[in-house]
Amino acid sequence: MIYRDGIGVIKLVNFEVPYIARMTARMVDKSNRHPADWYRETARDVEIAHLHLRQGNNARSGTNRTVDYANRLKDSQELFVKDAMKRNQKDISRLQNMLEDASSKTNHEIRSLKQLRDHLKDRKYKVDTNLQRSLERRKMRNSRPGRELTVDAPEQELTTQTDLLAATSSDLGAQINQVEQQIRNLEGMSNTLQRDIAGKKTVSNIEERVAHMGMEAPRAAEPLYHDQPNLHVPEWRTYTLQNCGQALDLQRQSKEMRRQALSISKKARSEEKEQHHLVQAAMKHRINEVQSLKADLAAHGQLVAQEIAELMNTRRTLEQEIRAKLPHLNRAAERYASRLQRPPGEKKADQVEFALVEQYHQLQKVMKEMEDKLAKVKSRLHVLQKTKVDLKRNYYDKAKGIKVDGDVYAAYPSRPTTPAGSATSSVDGNCRTIRSSASSFLGRVTNPRPVTAD
């Protein structure tokens, strides 16, 4: 290239070797030419040099513009890359925070559902225990004497209690299965979220390494691009948002399930407690009723025993009277027979014979009346003795039945608890009253008075 200095001297700078050799050859060949030709040739060479100078300047300017544009484009693209990476890192950080929040809430729901499952299993165990005890109580009541086997109020309440406990146990079992299935769903979602979080952490680390691998800070003040490209949402972002949405749905389902399960448990506990009170009240009423009947049987047994004793005395008196009157009757018959042995001429119906016959008939009539009365007394004694045996058997059946009912009353299941402020607090007070009086009441039941009618 050539350029002109301050005093108009042309200098050659970095010309190519072939061009310099060609100019030198021309100068050597034309050394003998006319000065005018030499001057024109020199002027033409100067013009050519000026032309090459302008071309060189233009080429240099174009090269500088190209280099400057390339530098600006590089800086702009670097800014674009860094800006895109920042936005991507912000999106990843936001999605990671969403995933961690969803994972934390999901794990909290899992812990809550596990606590609910343990609570429901504990409730089901208690209900099953009470159901087994209720069946045992019904079996104990079936061991009463046949005379006492009736479908009374306690039997009906025990049947209702058994059906209620069986239905409650079935409902709790179904609820436990639903909770366990929900726990499995939440655990699967938690694992999915954890894998997604691990993927986001890996991507974040890779993005940081890529950011550190970038070029130096760009020198361009303004980027060459103005509009952001309209890109579709990446699949990984959609997948993460879907996972967060599914986790949120599962959390809502878990909360609703916990609410329903607690409501069912509370309602079942209230119904169980109310039915427990009804059974105990029916048992206590039945025991009081049987105790009253047993007292009536004992009193009637005493009356029957007294009547039997009086009839026994009457029978002994009649037997003694009959034994005492029998010799007189026999003697009257002998006297009448002796008078019949008189000679035929002396036989006549005189006053003595009439008196003897009248005496015999009167004694015979008295004997007949006494024998009839004795037969009635014996028949009455037989009936009373049979009645006494029936009363005694009934009394002992009542005593055995009341002992069984007392054992059933004392073997009641553990009283279910109800949270404070519930509608069954009055039932709780009644159950405590029944429970406090159980010991003194069962003392009378298990130690009945002996029958004094024997």
Protein backbone atom coordinates (compact mmCIF):
# COMPACT_ATOMS: atom_id res chain seq x y z
CA MET A 1 0.00 0.00 0.00
CA ILE A 2 1.15 3.63 -0.62
CA TYR A 3 0.37 6.83 1.15
CA ARG A 4 1.46 10.47 0.86
CA ASP A 5 3.36 12.12 3.71
CA GLY A 6 3.21 15.76 4.76
CA ILE A 7 5.69 17.12 2.13
CA GLY A 8 4.23 15.30 -0.88
CA VAL A 9 6.74 12.47 -1.07
CA ILE A 10 5.26 9.18 -2.25
CA LYS A 11 6.33 6.22 -0.20
CA LEU A 12 5.78 2.54 -0.89
CA VAL A 13 4.57 0.58 2.00
CA ASN A 14 4.07 -3.16 1.97
CA PHE A 15 3.76 -3.44 -1.83
CA GLU A 16 3.78 -6.88 -3.20
CA VAL A 17 7.11 -8.09 -4.58
CA PRO A 18 5.84 -8.79 -8.14
CA TYR A 19 4.49 -5.24 -8.47
CA ILE A 20 7.81 -3.66 -7.33
CA ALA A 21 9.77 -5.89 -9.68
CA ARG A 22 7.50 -4.95 -12.56
CA MET A 23 7.90 -1.21 -11.87
CA THR A 24 11.67 -1.57 -11.60
CA ALA A 25 11.83 -3.40 -14.93
CA ARG A 26 9.81 -0.68 -16.60
CA MET A 27 12.15 1.98 -15.23
CA VAL A 28 15.20 0.09 -16.53
CA ASP A 29 13.65 -0.47 -19.94
CA LYS A 30 12.64 3.14 -20.30
CA SER A 31 15.86 4.81 -19.09
CA ASN A 32 16.69 6.10 -22.61
CA ARG A 33 13.24 7.48 -23.35
CA HIS A 34 12.33 11.16 -23.95
CA PRO A 35 11.88 13.18 -20.75
CA ALA A 36 8.35 14.10 -21.72
CA ASP A 37 7.49 10.45 -22.08
CA TRP A 38 9.23 9.77 -18.87
CA TYR A 39 7.22 12.51 -17.17
CA ARG A 40 3.94 11.24 -18.56
CA GLU A 41 4.86 7.75 -17.54
CA THR A 42 5.70 9.00 -14.11
CA ALA A 43 2.44 10.94 -13.83
CA ARG A 44 0.55 7.87 -14.98
CA ASP A 45 2.33 5.80 -12.38
CA VAL A 46 1.46 8.40 -9.76
CA GLU A 47 -2.19 8.23 -10.84
CA ILE A 48 -2.07 4.47 -10.69
CA ALA A 49 -0.52 4.73 -7.25
CA HIS A 50 -3.31 7.12 -6.18
CA LEU A 51 -5.88 4.68 -7.57
CA HIS A 52 -4.36 1.82 -5.65
CA LEU A 53 -4.22 4.04 -2.57
CA ARG A 54 -7.94 4.80 -2.81
CA GLN A 55 -8.68 1.12 -3.37
CA GLY A 56 -6.55 0.21 -0.39
CA ASN A 57 -8.28 2.81 1.76
CA ASN A 58 -11.66 1.52 0.62
CA ALA A 59 -10.61 -2.07 1.30
CA ARG A 60 -9.30 -1.09 4.71
CA SER A 61 -12.48 0.80 5.54
CA GLY A 62 -14.61 -2.16 4.41
CA THR A 63 -12.44 -4.53 6.39
CA ASN A 64 -12.72 -2.36 9.48
CA ARG A 65 -16.49 -2.15 9.06
CA THR A 66 -16.67 -5.91 8.61
CA VAL A 67 -14.50 -6.51 11.66
CA ASP A 68 -16.49 -3.98 13.68
CA TYR A 69 -19.78 -5.55 12.57
CA ALA A 70 -18.42 -8.99 13.40
CA ASN A 71 -17.35 -7.76 16.85
CA ARG A 72 -20.72 -6.12 17.45
CA LEU A 73 -22.51 -9.24 16.26
CA LYS A 74 -20.35 -11.40 18.52
CA ASP A 75 -21.02 -9.14 21.51
CA SER A 76 -24.71 -8.99 20.69
CA GLN A 77 -24.95 -12.76 20.43
CA GLU A 78 -23.03 -13.11 23.67
CA LEU A 79 -25.50 -10.74 25.33
CA PHE A 80 -28.35 -12.73 23.83
CA VAL A 81 -26.86 -15.98 25.11
CA LYS A 82 -26.23 -14.57 28.57
CA ASP A 83 -29.71 -13.04 28.73
CA ALA A 84 -31.28 -16.31 27.58
CA MET A 85 -29.22 -18.24 30.14
CA LYS A 86 -30.28 -15.82 32.90
CA ARG A 87 -33.92 -16.22 31.96
CA ASN A 88 -33.48 -19.97 31.77
CA GLN A 89 -31.78 -20.05 35.16
CA LYS A 90 -34.59 -17.92 36.62
CA ASP A 91 -37.15 -20.29 35.12
CA ILE A 92 -35.26 -23.28 36.44
CA SER A 93 -34.95 -21.66 39.88
CA ARG A 94 -38.66 -20.78 39.89
CA LEU A 95 -39.66 -24.27 38.79
CA GLN A 96 -37.26 -25.80 41.31
CA ASN A 97 -38.83 -23.70 44.07
CA MET A 98 -42.28 -24.79 42.89
CA LEU A 99 -41.15 -28.42 42.90
CA GLU A 100 -39.59 -28.14 46.34
CA ASP A 101 -42.72 -26.45 47.71
CA ALA A 102 -44.93 -29.13 46.12
CA SER A 103 -42.62 -31.86 47.42
CA SER A 104 -42.64 -30.37 50.93
CA LYS A 105 -46.44 -30.13 50.97
CA THR A 106 -46.73 -33.62 49.50
CA ASN A 107 -44.46 -35.05 52.20
CA HIS A 108 -46.50 -33.18 54.80
CA GLU A 109 -49.69 -34.74 53.40
CA ILE A 110 -48.01 -38.15 53.45
CA ARG A 111 -47.12 -37.71 57.13
CA SER A 112 -50.63 -36.46 57.90
CA LEU A 113 -52.21 -39.40 56.06
CA LYS A 114 -49.92 -41.85 57.86
CA GLN A 115 -50.99 -40.36 61.17
CA LEU A 116 -54.61 -40.62 60.02
CA ARG A 117 -54.02 -44.23 58.97
CA ASP A 118 -52.54 -45.06 62.38
CA HIS A 119 -55.48 -43.29 64.06
CA LEU A 120 -57.99 -45.22 61.93
CA LYS A 121 -56.19 -48.50 62.59
CA ASP A 122 -56.26 -47.78 66.32
CA ARG A 123 -59.97 -46.94 66.10
CA LYS A 124 -60.63 -50.10 64.06
CA TYR A 125 -58.72 -52.19 66.61
CA LYS A 126 -60.82 -50.73 69.41
CA VAL A 127 -64.02 -51.22 67.43
CA ASP A 128 -63.06 -54.82 66.62
CA THR A 129 -62.25 -55.40 70.29
CA ASN A 130 -65.61 -53.95 71.32
CA LEU A 131 -67.32 -56.03 68.62
CA GLN A 132 -65.67 -59.19 69.96
CA ARG A 133 -66.73 -58.25 73.48
CA SER A 134 -70.26 -57.57 72.29
CA LEU A 135 -70.40 -61.02 70.68
CA GLU A 136 -69.02 -62.53 73.88
CA ARG A 137 -71.68 -60.70 75.90
CA ARG A 138 -74.42 -62.09 73.66
CA LYS A 139 -72.90 -65.54 74.02
CA MET A 140 -72.80 -65.10 77.80
CA ARG A 141 -76.49 -64.13 77.82
CA ASN A 142 -77.30 -67.25 75.81
CA SER A 143 -75.93 -69.31 78.73
CA ARG A 144 -78.94 -68.30 80.85
CA PRO A 145 -81.53 -70.98 81.70
CA GLY A 146 -84.02 -71.78 78.97
CA ARG A 147 -86.83 -70.14 80.93
CA GLU A 148 -84.92 -66.82 80.82
CA LEU A 149 -84.02 -66.89 77.11
CA THR A 150 -86.20 -64.14 75.71
CA VAL A 151 -85.66 -61.45 73.09
CA ASP A 152 -85.74 -58.69 75.67
CA ALA A 153 -84.57 -55.08 75.42
CA PRO A 154 -80.92 -55.84 76.31
CA GLU A 155 -80.82 -58.54 73.63
CA GLN A 156 -82.21 -56.13 71.05
CA GLU A 157 -79.77 -53.38 72.07
CA LEU A 158 -76.85 -55.82 72.01
CA THR A 159 -77.88 -56.96 68.53
CA THR A 160 -78.08 -53.34 67.40
CA GLN A 161 -74.70 -52.64 68.98
CA THR A 162 -73.15 -55.66 67.25
CA ASP A 163 -74.53 -54.60 63.87
CA LEU A 164 -73.36 -51.02 64.43
CA LEU A 165 -69.85 -52.11 65.42
CA ALA A 166 -69.64 -54.48 62.45
CA ALA A 167 -70.72 -51.72 60.05
CA THR A 168 -68.29 -49.26 61.68
CA SER A 169 -65.44 -51.76 61.39
CA SER A 170 -66.25 -52.31 57.71
CA ASP A 171 -66.38 -48.55 57.04
CA LEU A 172 -63.09 -47.98 58.86
CA GLY A 173 -61.46 -50.82 56.91
CA ALA A 174 -62.60 -49.31 53.60
CA GLN A 175 -61.40 -45.88 54.74
CA ILE A 176 -58.00 -47.33 55.71
CA ASN A 177 -57.67 -48.92 52.26
CA GLN A 178 -58.47 -45.59 50.59
CA VAL A 179 -55.94 -43.77 52.78
CA GLU A 180 -53.24 -46.35 52.03
CA GLN A 181 -53.95 -46.07 48.29
CA GLN A 182 -53.72 -42.28 48.56
CA ILE A 183 -50.44 -42.61 50.47
CA ARG A 184 -49.07 -44.78 47.67
CA ASN A 185 -50.20 -42.21 45.10
CA LEU A 186 -48.58 -39.39 47.07
CA GLU A 187 -45.36 -41.37 47.54
CA GLY A 188 -45.23 -42.02 43.80
CA MET A 189 -45.78 -38.32 43.15
CA SER A 190 -43.13 -37.44 45.75
CA ASN A 191 -40.62 -39.70 43.98
CA THR A 192 -41.52 -38.07 40.66
CA LEU A 193 -41.04 -34.61 42.15
CA GLN A 194 -37.72 -35.63 43.71
CA ARG A 195 -36.49 -36.93 40.37
CA ASP A 196 -37.63 -33.72 38.71
CA ILE A 197 -35.87 -31.66 41.41
CA ALA A 198 -32.68 -33.68 40.92
CA GLY A 199 -32.95 -33.07 37.16
CA LYS A 200 -33.44 -29.35 37.73
CA LYS A 201 -30.40 -29.23 40.03
CA THR A 202 -28.33 -31.04 37.41
CA VAL A 203 -29.51 -28.66 34.69
CA SER A 204 -28.81 -25.67 36.94
CA ASN A 205 -25.25 -26.88 37.57
CA ILE A 206 -24.72 -27.44 33.85
CA GLU A 207 -26.09 -23.97 33.07
CA GLU A 208 -23.71 -22.44 35.59
CA ARG A 209 -20.76 -24.24 34.01
CA VAL A 210 -21.88 -23.11 30.55
CA ALA A 211 -22.18 -19.52 31.84
CA HIS A 212 -18.64 -19.67 33.23
CA MET A 213 -17.41 -21.02 29.89
CA GLY A 214 -18.71 -17.91 28.08
CA MET A 215 -16.56 -15.14 26.52
CA GLU A 216 -15.50 -11.94 28.22
CA ALA A 217 -17.99 -9.21 28.96
CA PRO A 218 -19.30 -7.72 25.70
CA ARG A 219 -18.22 -4.20 24.74
CA ALA A 220 -21.35 -3.30 22.81
CA ALA A 221 -23.61 -0.94 24.71
CA GLU A 222 -26.76 -1.97 22.84
CA PRO A 223 -27.56 -5.35 21.36
CA LEU A 224 -28.38 -5.66 17.69
CA TYR A 225 -31.59 -7.64 18.33
CA HIS A 226 -34.76 -5.99 19.60
CA ASP A 227 -37.56 -8.61 19.63
CA GLN A 228 -37.36 -11.83 21.59
CA PRO A 229 -38.02 -14.94 19.54
CA ASN A 230 -41.47 -16.48 20.03
CA LEU A 231 -40.45 -19.93 21.26
CA HIS A 232 -42.85 -22.67 22.34
CA VAL A 233 -42.87 -23.84 25.97
CA PRO A 234 -40.28 -26.57 26.34
CA GLU A 235 -41.49 -30.05 27.14
CA TRP A 236 -39.56 -30.24 30.39
CA ARG A 237 -41.29 -27.09 31.67
CA THR A 238 -44.73 -28.49 30.75
CA TYR A 239 -43.82 -31.77 32.46
CA THR A 240 -42.82 -29.91 35.63
CA LEU A 241 -45.99 -27.81 35.66
CA GLN A 242 -48.07 -30.96 35.13
CA ASN A 243 -46.32 -32.64 38.05
CA CYS A 244 -46.95 -29.62 40.27
CA GLY A 245 -50.62 -29.57 39.20
CA GLN A 246 -51.02 -33.30 39.88
CA ALA A 247 -49.36 -32.88 43.27
CA LEU A 248 -51.74 -30.03 44.08
CA ASP A 249 -54.74 -32.17 43.07
CA LEU A 250 -53.51 -35.05 45.23
CA GLN A 251 -53.02 -32.67 48.15
CA ARG A 252 -56.60 -31.42 47.77
CA GLN A 253 -57.85 -35.00 47.61
CA SER A 254 -55.82 -35.88 50.71
CA LYS A 255 -57.23 -32.95 52.68
CA GLU A 256 -60.78 -33.87 51.66
CA MET A 257 -60.10 -37.51 52.53
CA ARG A 258 -58.73 -36.54 55.94
CA ARG A 259 -61.78 -34.37 56.57
CA GLN A 260 -64.19 -37.15 55.58
CA ALA A 261 -62.28 -39.79 57.56
CA LEU A 262 -62.24 -37.66 60.71
CA SER A 263 -65.95 -36.92 60.25
CA ILE A 264 -66.74 -40.63 59.84
CA SER A 265 -64.60 -41.53 62.84
CA LYS A 266 -66.22 -38.85 64.99
CA LYS A 267 -69.74 -39.87 63.94
CA ALA A 268 -69.00 -43.57 64.50
CA ARG A 269 -67.52 -42.82 67.94
CA SER A 270 -70.60 -40.78 68.87
CA GLU A 271 -73.00 -43.50 67.67
CA GLU A 272 -70.96 -46.19 69.40
CA LYS A 273 -70.99 -44.24 72.64
CA GLU A 274 -74.74 -43.59 72.46
CA GLN A 275 -75.46 -47.25 71.70
CA HIS A 276 -73.14 -48.27 74.53
CA HIS A 277 -75.21 -46.14 76.91
CA LEU A 278 -78.45 -47.67 75.60
CA VAL A 279 -77.12 -51.20 76.12
CA GLN A 280 -75.92 -50.48 79.64
CA ALA A 281 -79.18 -48.72 80.54
CA ALA A 282 -81.21 -51.65 79.15
CA MET A 283 -79.03 -54.12 81.04
CA LYS A 284 -79.43 -52.20 84.29
CA HIS A 285 -83.20 -51.94 83.81
CA ARG A 286 -83.36 -55.66 83.05
CA ILE A 287 -81.32 -56.52 86.14
CA ASN A 288 -83.54 -54.33 88.32
CA GLU A 289 -86.63 -55.93 86.80
CA VAL A 290 -85.34 -59.46 87.37
CA GLN A 291 -84.22 -58.51 90.86
CA SER A 292 -87.77 -57.32 91.61
CA LEU A 293 -89.25 -60.51 90.14
CA LYS A 294 -86.84 -62.59 92.17
CA ALA A 295 -87.92 -60.78 95.32
CA ASP A 296 -91.57 -61.43 94.40
CA LEU A 297 -90.78 -65.09 93.84
CA ALA A 298 -89.08 -65.29 97.22
CA ALA A 299 -92.05 -63.62 98.92
CA HIS A 300 -94.56 -65.90 97.19
CA GLY A 301 -92.37 -68.86 98.05
CA GLN A 302 -92.54 -67.90 101.70
CA LEU A 303 -96.34 -67.59 101.51
CA VAL A 304 -96.63 -70.96 99.78
CA ALA A 305 -94.34 -72.51 102.38
CA GLN A 306 -96.49 -71.09 105.17
CA GLU A 307 -99.64 -72.39 103.47
CA ILE A 308 -98.06 -75.81 103.04
CA ALA A 309 -97.11 -75.84 106.71
CA GLU A 310 -100.67 -74.96 107.73
CA LEU A 311 -102.12 -77.60 105.40
CA MET A 312 -99.69 -80.15 106.79
CA ASN A 313 -100.99 -79.36 110.27
CA THR A 314 -104.57 -79.65 108.98
CA ARG A 315 -103.77 -82.99 107.36
CA ARG A 316 -102.22 -84.31 110.54
CA THR A 317 -105.26 -83.13 112.53
CA LEU A 318 -107.65 -84.79 110.10
CA GLU A 319 -105.68 -87.99 110.10
CA GLN A 320 -105.65 -87.99 113.90
CA GLU A 321 -109.39 -87.33 114.00
CA ILE A 322 -110.06 -90.07 111.49
CA ARG A 323 -107.93 -92.49 113.45
CA ALA A 324 -109.74 -91.43 116.62
CA LYS A 325 -113.24 -91.76 115.10
CA LEU A 326 -112.60 -95.05 113.39
CA PRO A 327 -112.80 -97.18 116.64
CA HIS A 328 -116.13 -95.54 117.51
CA LEU A 329 -117.49 -96.40 114.10
CA ASN A 330 -116.27 -99.95 114.39
CA ARG A 331 -117.70 -100.26 117.89
CA ALA A 332 -121.09 -98.95 116.75
CA ALA A 333 -121.07 -101.54 113.98
CA GLU A 334 -120.13 -104.28 116.46
CA ARG A 335 -122.87 -103.21 118.85
CA TYR A 336 -125.43 -103.25 116.08
CA ALA A 337 -124.22 -106.68 114.96
CA SER A 338 -124.37 -108.00 118.53
CA ARG A 339 -128.03 -106.94 118.91
CA LEU A 340 -128.84 -108.73 115.71
CA GLN A 341 -127.84 -111.98 117.46
CA ARG A 342 -130.91 -111.83 119.70
CA PRO A 343 -133.44 -114.68 119.56
CA PRO A 344 -135.97 -114.41 116.78
CA GLY A 345 -138.79 -113.66 119.17
CA GLU A 346 -136.86 -110.78 120.66
CA LYS A 347 -135.87 -109.16 117.40
CA LYS A 348 -137.75 -105.98 116.94
CA ALA A 349 -137.01 -102.49 115.79
CA ASP A 350 -136.96 -100.76 119.11
CA GLN A 351 -135.59 -97.43 120.17
CA VAL A 352 -132.15 -98.85 120.94
CA GLU A 353 -131.76 -100.28 117.48
CA PHE A 354 -132.84 -97.00 115.94
CA ALA A 355 -130.32 -95.13 118.11
CA LEU A 356 -127.52 -97.53 117.18
CA VAL A 357 -128.30 -97.22 113.50
CA GLU A 358 -128.47 -93.42 113.76
CA GLN A 359 -125.18 -93.37 115.64
CA TYR A 360 -123.51 -95.53 113.03
CA HIS A 361 -124.80 -93.40 110.17
CA GLN A 362 -123.72 -90.19 111.84
CA LEU A 363 -120.25 -91.56 112.55
CA GLN A 364 -119.99 -92.83 108.99
CA LYS A 365 -121.08 -89.44 107.63
CA VAL A 366 -118.54 -87.65 109.79
CA MET A 367 -115.84 -90.06 108.67
CA LYS A 368 -116.82 -89.52 105.05
CA GLU A 369 -116.67 -85.74 105.42
CA MET A 370 -113.31 -85.96 107.18
CA GLU A 371 -111.93 -88.27 104.49
CA ASP A 372 -113.19 -85.96 101.73
CA LYS A 373 -111.64 -82.99 103.47
CA LEU A 374 -108.40 -84.93 103.94
CA ALA A 375 -108.39 -85.76 100.23
CA LYS A 376 -108.88 -82.08 99.37
CA VAL A 377 -106.11 -81.13 101.77
CA LYS A 378 -103.78 -83.69 100.18
CA SER A 379 -104.70 -82.46 96.68
CA ARG A 380 -104.09 -78.88 97.74
CA LEU A 381 -100.81 -79.90 99.33
CA HIS A 382 -99.77 -81.58 96.08
CA VAL A 383 -100.60 -78.44 94.09
CA LEU A 384 -98.83 -76.19 96.58
CA GLN A 385 -95.77 -78.40 96.69
CA LYS A 386 -95.63 -78.41 92.88
CA THR A 387 -96.07 -74.62 92.95
CA LYS A 388 -93.31 -74.40 95.52
CA VAL A 389 -91.01 -76.44 93.31
CA ASP A 390 -91.87 -74.25 90.31
CA LEU A 391 -91.29 -71.10 92.33
CA LYS A 392 -88.02 -72.45 93.61
CA ARG A 393 -86.88 -73.46 90.13
CA ASN A 394 -87.98 -70.11 88.74
CA TYR A 395 -86.21 -68.34 91.59
CA TYR A 396 -82.96 -70.16 90.92
CA ASP A 397 -83.33 -69.54 87.18
CA LYS A 398 -83.83 -65.86 87.92
CA ALA A 399 -80.84 -65.93 90.26
CA LYS A 400 -78.67 -67.59 87.62
CA GLY A 401 -79.98 -65.28 84.90
CA ILE A 402 -79.39 -62.18 87.00
CA LYS A 403 -75.88 -63.39 87.77
CA VAL A 404 -75.21 -63.84 84.05
CA ASP A 405 -76.70 -60.41 83.31
CA GLY A 406 -74.59 -58.97 86.11
CA ASP A 407 -71.48 -60.48 84.56
CA VAL A 408 -72.54 -59.14 81.16
CA TYR A 409 -73.18 -55.72 82.68
CA ALA A 410 -69.75 -55.72 84.33
CA ALA A 411 -68.06 -56.96 81.14
CA TYR A 412 -69.08 -53.94 79.06
CA PRO A 413 -66.53 -52.70 76.52
CA SER A 414 -64.33 -49.72 77.14
CA ARG A 415 -66.43 -46.59 76.97
CA PRO A 416 -65.62 -44.66 73.77
CA THR A 417 -64.54 -41.08 74.24
CA THR A 418 -66.10 -38.09 72.52
CA PRO A 419 -64.38 -34.71 72.04
CA ALA A 420 -65.45 -31.92 74.36
CA GLY A 421 -68.50 -29.95 73.34
CA SER A 422 -70.20 -32.85 71.55
CA ALA A 423 -73.90 -33.55 71.71
CA THR A 424 -73.38 -36.77 73.69
CA SER A 425 -71.88 -35.21 76.83
CA SER A 426 -75.08 -35.97 78.76
CA VAL A 427 -74.77 -39.62 77.73
CA ASP A 428 -71.21 -39.58 79.05
CA GLY A 429 -72.46 -38.35 82.44
CA ASN A 430 -75.11 -41.06 82.54
CA CYS A 431 -72.52 -43.72 81.73
CA ARG A 432 -70.31 -42.44 84.54
CA THR A 433 -73.29 -42.62 86.91
CA ILE A 434 -74.00 -46.20 85.86
CA ARG A 435 -70.34 -47.09 86.20
CA SER A 436 -70.03 -45.57 89.69
CA SER A 437 -73.03 -47.52 90.96
CA ALA A 438 -71.98 -50.77 89.30
CA SER A 439 -69.98 -52.15 92.25
CA SER A 440 -72.68 -51.70 94.88
CA PHE A 441 -75.40 -52.81 92.48
CA LEU A 442 -73.52 -55.92 91.36
CA GLY A 443 -72.89 -56.76 95.02
CA ARG A 444 -76.64 -57.26 95.45
CA VAL A 445 -76.88 -59.13 92.15
CA THR A 446 -74.07 -61.61 92.63
CA ASN A 447 -75.02 -62.33 96.29
CA PRO A 448 -78.79 -63.01 96.21
CA ARG A 449 -80.77 -63.71 99.37
CA PRO A 450 -81.33 -67.40 100.08
CA VAL A 451 -84.85 -68.71 99.77
CA THR A 452 -86.38 -69.04 103.25
CA ALA A 453 -89.46 -70.94 102.12
CA ASP A 454 -87.88 -74.35 102.47
